[in-house]
Amino acid sequence: MSASKEHLLQVTFQEIYENGYYATSVDKILKKASMNKGSMYHFFKSKKELVLAVIDAHVYNYIDKKYSAILDTDKNYIDSIFKVLYNKNSFNFIYGCRLNSLVQELSHQDADFKAALEKVYYRFEEIFREVLQKAIDAGEIQHPDVKQLSVYTVASIEGCLSTAQKSQNGDIYCDCIGQLEYYFKQLKP
């Protein structure tokens, strides 16, 4: 990917994340990126196409990179999950979750956005399905339906992030994640 295209994607992501899709104009993105419309239209046909690329390049990769690291663990899977989740420095409590912010604004407005964002959510849930299956196989927890447990886990994480965002307080997030951890302790054999 060219440096110009990557820069445009990064600036677009930041603008959309901080201000929302509908409140962010192409002109504002281009001004922040120090680019002209011709440069943007060289890479993308529309603002929508640009944001779809942002979802794929930045949001999907962010979720995949952040949570796939848990899969590299070879034991203590549940501890590894919470080590990542309790790392407050890796979350933004002002703007909230990158993924959830876009889902809330865009998924009900447009089928293409819905499909792109669902792809990210499915990856998020799949990572947790894999690690939770490893935890079950290792005897760390017991649960009759790992797929449902992974959906519940991701929904809980997203809910904790939204709750913290409303107060812009990472301590509230940690308290909420603490309840998820408490739930997992109840799943120990």
Protein backbone atom coordinates (compact mmCIF):
# COMPACT_ATOMS: atom_id res chain seq x y z
CA MET A 1 0.00 0.00 0.00
CA SER A 2 1.34 3.40 -0.89
CA ALA A 3 2.30 5.80 1.88
CA SER A 4 -0.23 8.35 0.59
CA LYS A 5 -3.08 5.84 0.64
CA GLU A 6 -2.13 4.63 4.11
CA HIS A 7 -1.94 8.22 5.36
CA LEU A 8 -5.38 8.95 3.92
CA LEU A 9 -6.82 5.85 5.60
CA GLN A 10 -5.26 6.77 8.93
CA VAL A 11 -6.53 10.36 8.85
CA THR A 12 -9.99 9.19 7.76
CA PHE A 13 -10.12 6.64 10.54
CA GLN A 14 -9.20 9.24 13.16
CA GLU A 15 -11.73 11.76 11.88
CA ILE A 16 -14.57 9.23 11.67
CA TYR A 17 -13.68 7.76 15.07
CA GLU A 18 -13.63 11.14 16.80
CA ASN A 19 -16.48 12.86 14.95
CA GLY A 20 -18.62 10.22 13.27
CA TYR A 21 -19.20 9.37 9.64
CA TYR A 22 -21.97 11.87 8.96
CA ALA A 23 -20.27 14.75 10.76
CA THR A 24 -17.03 14.29 8.83
CA SER A 25 -16.79 15.71 5.34
CA VAL A 26 -14.41 14.61 2.62
CA ASP A 27 -13.06 18.17 2.57
CA LYS A 28 -12.21 17.99 6.27
CA ILE A 29 -10.45 14.64 5.80
CA LEU A 30 -8.47 15.94 2.83
CA LYS A 31 -7.48 19.12 4.64
CA LYS A 32 -6.17 17.13 7.62
CA ALA A 33 -4.39 14.73 5.27
CA SER A 34 -2.93 17.63 3.25
CA MET A 35 -4.30 16.05 0.08
CA ASN A 36 -6.53 17.19 -2.76
CA LYS A 37 -9.68 15.53 -4.07
CA GLY A 38 -7.85 14.17 -7.07
CA SER A 39 -5.53 12.23 -4.77
CA MET A 40 -8.44 10.73 -2.87
CA TYR A 41 -10.36 9.83 -6.01
CA HIS A 42 -7.23 8.17 -7.37
CA PHE A 43 -7.63 5.60 -4.57
CA PHE A 44 -11.36 5.67 -3.78
CA LYS A 45 -14.53 6.48 -5.74
CA SER A 46 -16.43 7.89 -2.77
CA LYS A 47 -16.40 8.66 0.93
CA LYS A 48 -18.27 5.41 1.50
CA GLU A 49 -15.64 3.37 -0.34
CA LEU A 50 -12.93 5.16 1.66
CA VAL A 51 -14.62 4.32 4.97
CA LEU A 52 -15.19 0.70 3.93
CA ALA A 53 -11.44 0.51 3.32
CA VAL A 54 -10.84 2.04 6.76
CA ILE A 55 -13.03 -0.63 8.36
CA ASP A 56 -11.07 -3.34 6.59
CA ALA A 57 -7.59 -1.86 7.02
CA HIS A 58 -7.82 -0.30 10.47
CA VAL A 59 -10.74 -1.61 12.47
CA TYR A 60 -10.48 -5.27 11.42
CA ASN A 61 -6.69 -5.27 11.81
CA TYR A 62 -6.92 -3.49 15.18
CA ILE A 63 -9.32 -6.10 16.60
CA ASP A 64 -7.39 -8.98 15.06
CA LYS A 65 -4.00 -7.80 16.32
CA LYS A 66 -5.19 -6.78 19.77
CA TYR A 67 -7.05 -9.98 20.61
CA SER A 68 -5.31 -12.62 18.47
CA ALA A 69 -2.30 -12.30 20.77
CA ILE A 70 -4.33 -14.24 23.33
CA LEU A 71 -4.30 -17.22 20.94
CA ASP A 72 -0.51 -17.39 21.18
CA THR A 73 -0.85 -18.52 24.80
CA ASP A 74 -0.30 -22.21 25.47
CA LYS A 75 -1.80 -22.31 28.99
CA ASN A 76 -3.70 -20.14 31.46
CA TYR A 77 -6.05 -18.97 28.72
CA ILE A 78 -8.51 -17.23 31.00
CA ASP A 79 -5.69 -15.36 32.77
CA SER A 80 -4.36 -14.30 29.35
CA ILE A 81 -7.77 -12.96 28.34
CA PHE A 82 -8.01 -10.80 31.43
CA LYS A 83 -4.44 -9.62 31.16
CA VAL A 84 -5.39 -8.08 27.80
CA LEU A 85 -8.76 -6.82 29.03
CA TYR A 86 -7.37 -5.12 32.13
CA ASN A 87 -4.76 -3.21 30.13
CA LYS A 88 -6.52 0.17 30.38
CA ASN A 89 -3.82 1.87 28.30
CA SER A 90 -4.95 -0.02 25.21
CA PHE A 91 -8.50 1.40 25.31
CA ASN A 92 -9.89 4.87 24.64
CA PHE A 93 -12.49 5.85 27.22
CA ILE A 94 -13.31 9.17 25.56
CA TYR A 95 -14.33 7.94 22.12
CA GLY A 96 -15.08 4.33 23.08
CA CYS A 97 -14.55 1.21 21.05
CA ARG A 98 -13.51 1.77 17.45
CA LEU A 99 -15.73 -1.04 16.26
CA ASN A 100 -18.78 -0.36 18.40
CA SER A 101 -18.80 3.36 17.56
CA LEU A 102 -19.04 2.55 13.86
CA VAL A 103 -21.61 -0.18 14.41
CA GLN A 104 -23.84 2.18 16.37
CA GLU A 105 -23.69 4.85 13.68
CA LEU A 106 -23.55 2.90 10.42
CA SER A 107 -24.75 -0.70 10.54
CA HIS A 108 -28.46 0.16 10.40
CA GLN A 109 -27.96 2.79 7.69
CA ASP A 110 -26.30 0.80 4.92
CA ALA A 111 -26.02 -2.88 3.98
CA ASP A 112 -22.37 -2.55 2.88
CA PHE A 113 -21.36 -0.99 6.20
CA LYS A 114 -23.36 -3.64 8.06
CA ALA A 115 -21.58 -6.44 6.20
CA ALA A 116 -18.11 -4.92 6.72
CA LEU A 117 -18.71 -4.34 10.42
CA GLU A 118 -20.24 -7.80 10.92
CA LYS A 119 -17.09 -9.28 9.39
CA VAL A 120 -15.06 -7.55 12.11
CA TYR A 121 -17.45 -8.67 14.85
CA TYR A 122 -17.36 -12.25 13.57
CA ARG A 123 -13.56 -12.19 13.74
CA PHE A 124 -13.71 -10.77 17.27
CA GLU A 125 -16.11 -13.54 18.34
CA GLU A 126 -14.06 -16.19 16.53
CA ILE A 127 -10.90 -15.23 18.41
CA PHE A 128 -12.74 -15.67 21.69
CA ARG A 129 -14.37 -18.89 20.51
CA GLU A 130 -10.93 -20.32 19.77
CA VAL A 131 -9.34 -19.26 23.05
CA LEU A 132 -12.35 -20.30 25.12
CA GLN A 133 -12.35 -23.70 23.43
CA LYS A 134 -8.68 -24.04 24.40
CA ALA A 135 -9.60 -23.10 27.98
CA ILE A 136 -12.35 -25.74 28.00
CA ASP A 137 -10.03 -28.35 26.51
CA ALA A 138 -7.39 -27.51 29.14
CA GLY A 139 -9.95 -27.91 31.93
CA GLU A 140 -9.82 -24.26 32.99
CA ILE A 141 -13.57 -23.73 32.55
CA GLN A 142 -16.69 -25.70 31.69
CA HIS A 143 -19.46 -24.45 29.41
CA PRO A 144 -21.94 -26.29 27.16
CA ASP A 145 -21.79 -23.87 24.22
CA VAL A 146 -18.50 -22.15 23.43
CA LYS A 147 -20.00 -20.16 20.54
CA GLN A 148 -22.64 -18.59 22.77
CA LEU A 149 -20.00 -17.96 25.44
CA SER A 150 -17.79 -16.16 22.92
CA VAL A 151 -20.69 -13.94 21.78
CA TYR A 152 -21.52 -13.17 25.42
CA THR A 153 -17.86 -12.34 26.15
CA VAL A 154 -17.54 -9.94 23.23
CA ALA A 155 -20.88 -8.32 24.08
CA SER A 156 -19.71 -7.89 27.66
CA ILE A 157 -16.44 -6.28 26.58
CA GLU A 158 -18.31 -3.90 24.28
CA GLY A 159 -20.80 -3.09 27.02
CA CYS A 160 -18.01 -2.39 29.50
CA LEU A 161 -16.33 -0.06 27.02
CA SER A 162 -19.60 1.80 26.35
CA THR A 163 -20.29 2.14 30.07
CA ALA A 164 -16.82 3.56 30.63
CA GLN A 165 -17.20 5.88 27.64
CA LYS A 166 -20.35 7.46 29.05
CA SER A 167 -18.33 8.47 32.13
CA GLN A 168 -14.99 8.68 30.31
CA ASN A 169 -13.55 6.68 33.17
CA GLY A 170 -11.27 3.65 32.84
CA ASP A 171 -11.92 2.61 36.43
CA ILE A 172 -15.58 1.99 35.57
CA TYR A 173 -14.41 -0.19 32.69
CA CYS A 174 -12.18 -2.24 35.03
CA ASP A 175 -15.02 -2.65 37.53
CA CYS A 176 -17.25 -3.92 34.74
CA ILE A 177 -14.57 -6.28 33.40
CA GLY A 178 -14.17 -7.49 36.99
CA GLN A 179 -17.76 -8.75 36.84
CA LEU A 180 -16.98 -10.64 33.64
CA GLU A 181 -13.96 -12.16 35.37
CA TYR A 182 -16.17 -13.10 38.32
CA TYR A 183 -18.51 -14.88 35.90
CA PHE A 184 -15.60 -16.85 34.44
CA LYS A 185 -14.52 -17.92 37.91
CA GLN A 186 -17.95 -19.50 38.29
CA LEU A 187 -17.20 -21.62 35.20
CA LYS A 188 -14.20 -23.32 36.80
CA PRO A 189 -14.74 -27.08 37.24
